[in-house]
Amino acid sequence: MANILIVDDAAFMRMMIKDILVKNGYTVVGEAENGAKAIERFRELTPDLVIMDITMPEMDGIQAVRQIKGL
């Protein structure tokens, strides 16, 4: 199964997504609350998959994905 990083500024949404994934056998290796933190966590954890919210403070999901793809 894939190791997954969840990125969403809403803690409730991160919790809900994590619960669904874990119940279906996936491993959630980390969480981040904005795009800037997502990039940091991606470098640390090297997940197989990132579930990314689009609209977030500090750095949105589109900008974060562009930077992650460049790593």
PDB file of N, CA and C in Angstrom:
ATOM      1  N   MET A   1       0.832  -1.197   0.000  1.00  0.00           N
ATOM      2  CA  MET A   1       0.000   0.000   0.000  1.00  0.00           C
ATOM      3  C   MET A   1       0.874   1.258   0.000  1.00  0.00           C
ATOM      4  N   ALA A   2       0.305   2.321  -0.477  1.00  0.00           N
ATOM      5  CA  ALA A   2       1.013   3.594  -0.597  1.00  0.00           C
ATOM      6  C   ALA A   2       1.123   4.305   0.745  1.00  0.00           C
ATOM      7  N   ASN A   3       2.244   5.006   0.924  1.00  0.00           N
ATOM      8  CA  ASN A   3       2.419   5.909   2.054  1.00  0.00           C
ATOM      9  C   ASN A   3       1.893   7.265   1.616  1.00  0.00           C
ATOM     10  N   ILE A   4       1.028   7.880   2.428  1.00  0.00           N
ATOM     11  CA  ILE A   4       0.300   9.069   2.003  1.00  0.00           C
ATOM     12  C   ILE A   4       0.549  10.252   2.942  1.00  0.00           C
ATOM     13  N   LEU A   5       0.692  11.438   2.338  1.00  0.00           N
ATOM     14  CA  LEU A   5       0.763  12.706   3.057  1.00  0.00           C
ATOM     15  C   LEU A   5      -0.535  13.453   2.776  1.00  0.00           C
ATOM     16  N   ILE A   6      -1.211  13.896   3.830  1.00  0.00           N
ATOM     17  CA  ILE A   6      -2.468  14.632   3.699  1.00  0.00           C
ATOM     18  C   ILE A   6      -2.201  16.108   3.970  1.00  0.00           C
ATOM     19  N   VAL A   7      -2.651  16.971   3.041  1.00  0.00           N
ATOM     20  CA  VAL A   7      -2.445  18.408   3.191  1.00  0.00           C
ATOM     21  C   VAL A   7      -3.794  19.119   3.086  1.00  0.00           C
ATOM     22  N   ASP A   8      -4.183  19.772   4.166  1.00  0.00           N
ATOM     23  CA  ASP A   8      -5.432  20.536   4.202  1.00  0.00           C
ATOM     24  C   ASP A   8      -5.348  21.498   5.376  1.00  0.00           C
ATOM     25  N   ASP A   9      -5.833  22.721   5.192  1.00  0.00           N
ATOM     26  CA  ASP A   9      -5.775  23.687   6.286  1.00  0.00           C
ATOM     27  C   ASP A   9      -6.807  23.416   7.369  1.00  0.00           C
ATOM     28  N   ALA A  10      -7.800  22.612   7.077  1.00  0.00           N
ATOM     29  CA  ALA A  10      -8.833  22.268   8.061  1.00  0.00           C
ATOM     30  C   ALA A  10      -8.473  20.961   8.768  1.00  0.00           C
ATOM     31  N   ALA A  11      -8.218  21.046  10.057  1.00  0.00           N
ATOM     32  CA  ALA A  11      -7.853  19.858  10.841  1.00  0.00           C
ATOM     33  C   ALA A  11      -8.931  18.784  10.764  1.00  0.00           C
ATOM     34  N   PHE A  12     -10.192  19.197  10.736  1.00  0.00           N
ATOM     35  CA  PHE A  12     -11.296  18.244  10.660  1.00  0.00           C
ATOM     36  C   PHE A  12     -11.220  17.433   9.361  1.00  0.00           C
ATOM     37  N   MET A  13     -10.934  18.108   8.241  1.00  0.00           N
ATOM     38  CA  MET A  13     -10.831  17.409   6.959  1.00  0.00           C
ATOM     39  C   MET A  13      -9.645  16.441   6.948  1.00  0.00           C
ATOM     40  N   ARG A  14      -8.523  16.869   7.509  1.00  0.00           N
ATOM     41  CA  ARG A  14      -7.367  15.953   7.594  1.00  0.00           C
ATOM     42  C   ARG A  14      -7.740  14.710   8.384  1.00  0.00           C
ATOM     43  N   MET A  15      -8.457  14.899   9.485  1.00  0.00           N
ATOM     44  CA  MET A  15      -8.865  13.773  10.318  1.00  0.00           C
ATOM     45  C   MET A  15      -9.811  12.837   9.560  1.00  0.00           C
ATOM     46  N   MET A  16     -10.774  13.411   8.849  1.00  0.00           N
ATOM     47  CA  MET A  16     -11.739  12.604   8.103  1.00  0.00           C
ATOM     48  C   MET A  16     -11.051  11.811   6.979  1.00  0.00           C
ATOM     49  N   ILE A  17     -10.181  12.473   6.240  1.00  0.00           N
ATOM     50  CA  ILE A  17      -9.477  11.802   5.142  1.00  0.00           C
ATOM     51  C   ILE A  17      -8.590  10.690   5.698  1.00  0.00           C
ATOM     52  N   LYS A  18      -7.884  10.994   6.770  1.00  0.00           N
ATOM     53  CA  LYS A  18      -6.998   9.994   7.389  1.00  0.00           C
ATOM     54  C   LYS A  18      -7.798   8.780   7.839  1.00  0.00           C
ATOM     55  N   ASP A  19      -8.934   9.011   8.474  1.00  0.00           N
ATOM     56  CA  ASP A  19      -9.780   7.917   8.957  1.00  0.00           C
ATOM     57  C   ASP A  19     -10.212   7.013   7.802  1.00  0.00           C
ATOM     58  N   ILE A  20     -10.652   7.607   6.705  1.00  0.00           N
ATOM     59  CA  ILE A  20     -11.078   6.828   5.532  1.00  0.00           C
ATOM     60  C   ILE A  20      -9.922   6.002   4.979  1.00  0.00           C
ATOM     61  N   LEU A  21      -8.767   6.637   4.847  1.00  0.00           N
ATOM     62  CA  LEU A  21      -7.615   5.936   4.273  1.00  0.00           C
ATOM     63  C   LEU A  21      -7.142   4.785   5.158  1.00  0.00           C
ATOM     64  N   VAL A  22      -7.015   5.046   6.447  1.00  0.00           N
ATOM     65  CA  VAL A  22      -6.534   4.019   7.377  1.00  0.00           C
ATOM     66  C   VAL A  22      -7.503   2.838   7.419  1.00  0.00           C
ATOM     67  N   LYS A  23      -8.806   3.118   7.421  1.00  0.00           N
ATOM     68  CA  LYS A  23      -9.804   2.044   7.424  1.00  0.00           C
ATOM     69  C   LYS A  23      -9.718   1.174   6.175  1.00  0.00           C
ATOM     70  N   ASN A  24      -9.148   1.727   5.106  1.00  0.00           N
ATOM     71  CA  ASN A  24      -9.023   0.983   3.857  1.00  0.00           C
ATOM     72  C   ASN A  24      -7.611   0.457   3.618  1.00  0.00           C
ATOM     73  N   GLY A  25      -6.815   0.429   4.676  1.00  0.00           N
ATOM     74  CA  GLY A  25      -5.520  -0.227   4.615  1.00  0.00           C
ATOM     75  C   GLY A  25      -4.339   0.622   4.195  1.00  0.00           C
ATOM     76  N   TYR A  26      -4.531   1.936   4.029  1.00  0.00           N
ATOM     77  CA  TYR A  26      -3.427   2.803   3.632  1.00  0.00           C
ATOM     78  C   TYR A  26      -2.673   3.302   4.856  1.00  0.00           C
ATOM     79  N   THR A  27      -1.439   3.717   4.639  1.00  0.00           N
ATOM     80  CA  THR A  27      -0.607   4.268   5.707  1.00  0.00           C
ATOM     81  C   THR A  27      -0.471   5.765   5.504  1.00  0.00           C
ATOM     82  N   VAL A  28      -0.940   6.540   6.471  1.00  0.00           N
ATOM     83  CA  VAL A  28      -0.783   7.989   6.429  1.00  0.00           C
ATOM     84  C   VAL A  28       0.489   8.307   7.205  1.00  0.00           C
ATOM     85  N   VAL A  29       1.506   8.778   6.490  1.00  0.00           N
ATOM     86  CA  VAL A  29       2.806   9.020   7.117  1.00  0.00           C
ATOM     87  C   VAL A  29       2.936  10.421   7.671  1.00  0.00           C
ATOM     88  N   GLY A  30       2.032  11.338   7.270  1.00  0.00           N
ATOM     89  CA  GLY A  30       2.130  12.689   7.789  1.00  0.00           C
ATOM     90  C   GLY A  30       0.981  13.559   7.339  1.00  0.00           C
ATOM     91  N   GLU A  31       0.942  14.751   7.946  1.00  0.00           N
ATOM     92  CA  GLU A  31      -0.076  15.743   7.642  1.00  0.00           C
ATOM     93  C   GLU A  31       0.589  17.112   7.607  1.00  0.00           C
ATOM     94  N   ALA A  32      -0.021  18.027   6.852  1.00  0.00           N
ATOM     95  CA  ALA A  32       0.446  19.416   6.811  1.00  0.00           C
ATOM     96  C   ALA A  32      -0.761  20.327   6.672  1.00  0.00           C
ATOM     97  N   GLU A  33      -0.634  21.553   7.200  1.00  0.00           N
ATOM     98  CA  GLU A  33      -1.759  22.477   7.207  1.00  0.00           C
ATOM     99  C   GLU A  33      -1.697  23.557   6.128  1.00  0.00           C
ATOM    100  N   ASN A  34      -0.624  23.592   5.357  1.00  0.00           N
ATOM    101  CA  ASN A  34      -0.541  24.536   4.232  1.00  0.00           C
ATOM    102  C   ASN A  34       0.518  24.049   3.242  1.00  0.00           C
ATOM    103  N   GLY A  35       0.608  24.728   2.112  1.00  0.00           N
ATOM    104  CA  GLY A  35       1.518  24.294   1.065  1.00  0.00           C
ATOM    105  C   GLY A  35       2.980  24.332   1.459  1.00  0.00           C
ATOM    106  N   ALA A  36       3.376  25.367   2.206  1.00  0.00           N
ATOM    107  CA  ALA A  36       4.771  25.478   2.629  1.00  0.00           C
ATOM    108  C   ALA A  36       5.159  24.307   3.532  1.00  0.00           C
ATOM    109  N   LYS A  37       4.295  23.973   4.463  1.00  0.00           N
ATOM    110  CA  LYS A  37       4.555  22.827   5.351  1.00  0.00           C
ATOM    111  C   LYS A  37       4.530  21.523   4.565  1.00  0.00           C
ATOM    112  N   ALA A  38       3.677  21.457   3.544  1.00  0.00           N
ATOM    113  CA  ALA A  38       3.598  20.248   2.715  1.00  0.00           C
ATOM    114  C   ALA A  38       4.931  19.964   2.045  1.00  0.00           C
ATOM    115  N   ILE A  39       5.575  21.003   1.547  1.00  0.00           N
ATOM    116  CA  ILE A  39       6.881  20.828   0.894  1.00  0.00           C
ATOM    117  C   ILE A  39       7.904  20.314   1.898  1.00  0.00           C
ATOM    118  N   GLU A  40       7.918  20.882   3.095  1.00  0.00           N
ATOM    119  CA  GLU A  40       8.834  20.422   4.152  1.00  0.00           C
ATOM    120  C   GLU A  40       8.580  18.952   4.483  1.00  0.00           C
ATOM    121  N   ARG A  41       7.306  18.616   4.700  1.00  0.00           N
ATOM    122  CA  ARG A  41       6.948  17.240   5.071  1.00  0.00           C
ATOM    123  C   ARG A  41       7.247  16.273   3.924  1.00  0.00           C
ATOM    124  N   PHE A  42       7.044  16.701   2.676  1.00  0.00           N
ATOM    125  CA  PHE A  42       7.342  15.844   1.534  1.00  0.00           C
ATOM    126  C   PHE A  42       8.830  15.506   1.504  1.00  0.00           C
ATOM    127  N   ARG A  43       9.670  16.500   1.733  1.00  0.00           N
ATOM    128  CA  ARG A  43      11.124  16.259   1.755  1.00  0.00           C
ATOM    129  C   ARG A  43      11.506  15.289   2.873  1.00  0.00           C
ATOM    130  N   GLU A  44      10.889  15.443   4.033  1.00  0.00           N
ATOM    131  CA  GLU A  44      11.203  14.588   5.186  1.00  0.00           C
ATOM    132  C   GLU A  44      10.723  13.155   4.986  1.00  0.00           C
ATOM    133  N   LEU A  45       9.503  13.013   4.479  1.00  0.00           N
ATOM    134  CA  LEU A  45       8.823  11.720   4.494  1.00  0.00           C
ATOM    135  C   LEU A  45       8.857  10.959   3.168  1.00  0.00           C
ATOM    136  N   THR A  46       9.092  11.644   2.067  1.00  0.00           N
ATOM    137  CA  THR A  46       9.042  11.065   0.717  1.00  0.00           C
ATOM    138  C   THR A  46       7.865  10.094   0.534  1.00  0.00           C
ATOM    139  N   PRO A  47       6.637  10.613   0.674  1.00  0.00           N
ATOM    140  CA  PRO A  47       5.460   9.751   0.516  1.00  0.00           C
ATOM    141  C   PRO A  47       5.281   9.315  -0.938  1.00  0.00           C
ATOM    142  N   ASP A  48       4.507   8.262  -1.121  1.00  0.00           N
ATOM    143  CA  ASP A  48       4.177   7.783  -2.461  1.00  0.00           C
ATOM    144  C   ASP A  48       3.075   8.625  -3.091  1.00  0.00           C
ATOM    145  N   LEU A  49       2.230   9.224  -2.241  1.00  0.00           N
ATOM    146  CA  LEU A  49       1.063   9.955  -2.707  1.00  0.00           C
ATOM    147  C   LEU A  49       0.802  11.134  -1.779  1.00  0.00           C
ATOM    148  N   VAL A  50       0.394  12.263  -2.363  1.00  0.00           N
ATOM    149  CA  VAL A  50       0.014  13.437  -1.572  1.00  0.00           C
ATOM    150  C   VAL A  50      -1.430  13.790  -1.919  1.00  0.00           C
ATOM    151  N   ILE A  51      -2.267  13.907  -0.895  1.00  0.00           N
ATOM    152  CA  ILE A  51      -3.632  14.385  -1.078  1.00  0.00           C
ATOM    153  C   ILE A  51      -3.610  15.849  -0.665  1.00  0.00           C
ATOM    154  N   MET A  52      -3.824  16.738  -1.652  1.00  0.00           N
ATOM    155  CA  MET A  52      -3.579  18.170  -1.467  1.00  0.00           C
ATOM    156  C   MET A  52      -4.849  18.993  -1.651  1.00  0.00           C
ATOM    157  N   ASP A  53      -5.151  19.811  -0.655  1.00  0.00           N
ATOM    158  CA  ASP A  53      -6.204  20.811  -0.773  1.00  0.00           C
ATOM    159  C   ASP A  53      -5.691  21.902  -1.720  1.00  0.00           C
ATOM    160  N   ILE A  54      -6.581  22.614  -2.371  1.00  0.00           N
ATOM    161  CA  ILE A  54      -6.171  23.666  -3.300  1.00  0.00           C
ATOM    162  C   ILE A  54      -6.067  25.015  -2.596  1.00  0.00           C
ATOM    163  N   THR A  55      -7.097  25.410  -1.872  1.00  0.00           N
ATOM    164  CA  THR A  55      -7.142  26.727  -1.248  1.00  0.00           C
ATOM    165  C   THR A  55      -6.701  26.635   0.199  1.00  0.00           C
ATOM    166  N   MET A  56      -5.507  27.218   0.463  1.00  0.00           N
ATOM    167  CA  MET A  56      -4.951  27.213   1.819  1.00  0.00           C
ATOM    168  C   MET A  56      -4.187  28.505   2.037  1.00  0.00           C
ATOM    169  N   PRO A  57      -4.007  28.898   3.305  1.00  0.00           N
ATOM    170  CA  PRO A  57      -3.208  30.093   3.596  1.00  0.00           C
ATOM    171  C   PRO A  57      -1.709  29.817   3.382  1.00  0.00           C
ATOM    172  N   GLU A  58      -0.956  30.877   3.318  1.00  0.00           N
ATOM    173  CA  GLU A  58       0.505  30.870   3.183  1.00  0.00           C
ATOM    174  C   GLU A  58       0.954  30.420   1.794  1.00  0.00           C
ATOM    175  N   MET A  59       0.583  29.229   1.360  1.00  0.00           N
ATOM    176  CA  MET A  59       0.875  28.765   0.006  1.00  0.00           C
ATOM    177  C   MET A  59      -0.233  27.800  -0.397  1.00  0.00           C
ATOM    178  N   ASP A  60      -0.837  28.054  -1.566  1.00  0.00           N
ATOM    179  CA  ASP A  60      -1.938  27.181  -1.976  1.00  0.00           C
ATOM    180  C   ASP A  60      -1.425  25.850  -2.523  1.00  0.00           C
ATOM    181  N   GLY A  61      -2.352  24.945  -2.755  1.00  0.00           N
ATOM    182  CA  GLY A  61      -2.002  23.599  -3.192  1.00  0.00           C
ATOM    183  C   GLY A  61      -1.362  23.542  -4.565  1.00  0.00           C
ATOM    184  N   ILE A  62      -1.776  24.418  -5.475  1.00  0.00           N
ATOM    185  CA  ILE A  62      -1.206  24.434  -6.822  1.00  0.00           C
ATOM    186  C   ILE A  62       0.274  24.805  -6.765  1.00  0.00           C
ATOM    187  N   GLN A  63       0.602  25.844  -6.027  1.00  0.00           N
ATOM    188  CA  GLN A  63       2.002  26.260  -5.885  1.00  0.00           C
ATOM    189  C   GLN A  63       2.834  25.162  -5.231  1.00  0.00           C
ATOM    190  N   ALA A  64       2.269  24.534  -4.216  1.00  0.00           N
ATOM    191  CA  ALA A  64       2.996  23.473  -3.513  1.00  0.00           C
ATOM    192  C   ALA A  64       3.267  22.286  -4.435  1.00  0.00           C
ATOM    193  N   VAL A  65       2.280  21.886  -5.219  1.00  0.00           N
ATOM    194  CA  VAL A  65       2.463  20.759  -6.132  1.00  0.00           C
ATOM    195  C   VAL A  65       3.545  21.080  -7.166  1.00  0.00           C
ATOM    196  N   ARG A  66       3.539  22.291  -7.675  1.00  0.00           N
ATOM    197  CA  ARG A  66       4.589  22.689  -8.635  1.00  0.00           C
ATOM    198  C   ARG A  66       5.973  22.554  -8.020  1.00  0.00           C
ATOM    199  N   GLN A  67       6.117  23.007  -6.777  1.00  0.00           N
ATOM    200  CA  GLN A  67       7.425  22.917  -6.124  1.00  0.00           C
ATOM    201  C   GLN A  67       7.792  21.470  -5.811  1.00  0.00           C
ATOM    202  N   ILE A  68       6.829  20.683  -5.374  1.00  0.00           N
ATOM    203  CA  ILE A  68       7.095  19.269  -5.077  1.00  0.00           C
ATOM    204  C   ILE A  68       7.524  18.539  -6.348  1.00  0.00           C
ATOM    205  N   LYS A  69       6.863  18.820  -7.465  1.00  0.00           N
ATOM    206  CA  LYS A  69       7.224  18.180  -8.727  1.00  0.00           C
ATOM    207  C   LYS A  69       8.642  18.548  -9.149  1.00  0.00           C
ATOM    208  N   GLY A  70       9.112  19.706  -8.731  1.00  0.00           N
ATOM    209  CA  GLY A  70      10.451  20.154  -9.070  1.00  0.00           C
ATOM    210  C   GLY A  70      11.550  19.559  -8.205  1.00  0.00           C
ATOM    211  N   LEU A  71      11.178  18.828  -7.161  1.00  0.00           N
ATOM    212  CA  LEU A  71      12.192  18.251  -6.259  1.00  0.00           C
ATOM    213  C   LEU A  71      12.852  17.027  -6.885  1.00  0.00           C
TER     214      LEU A  71
END
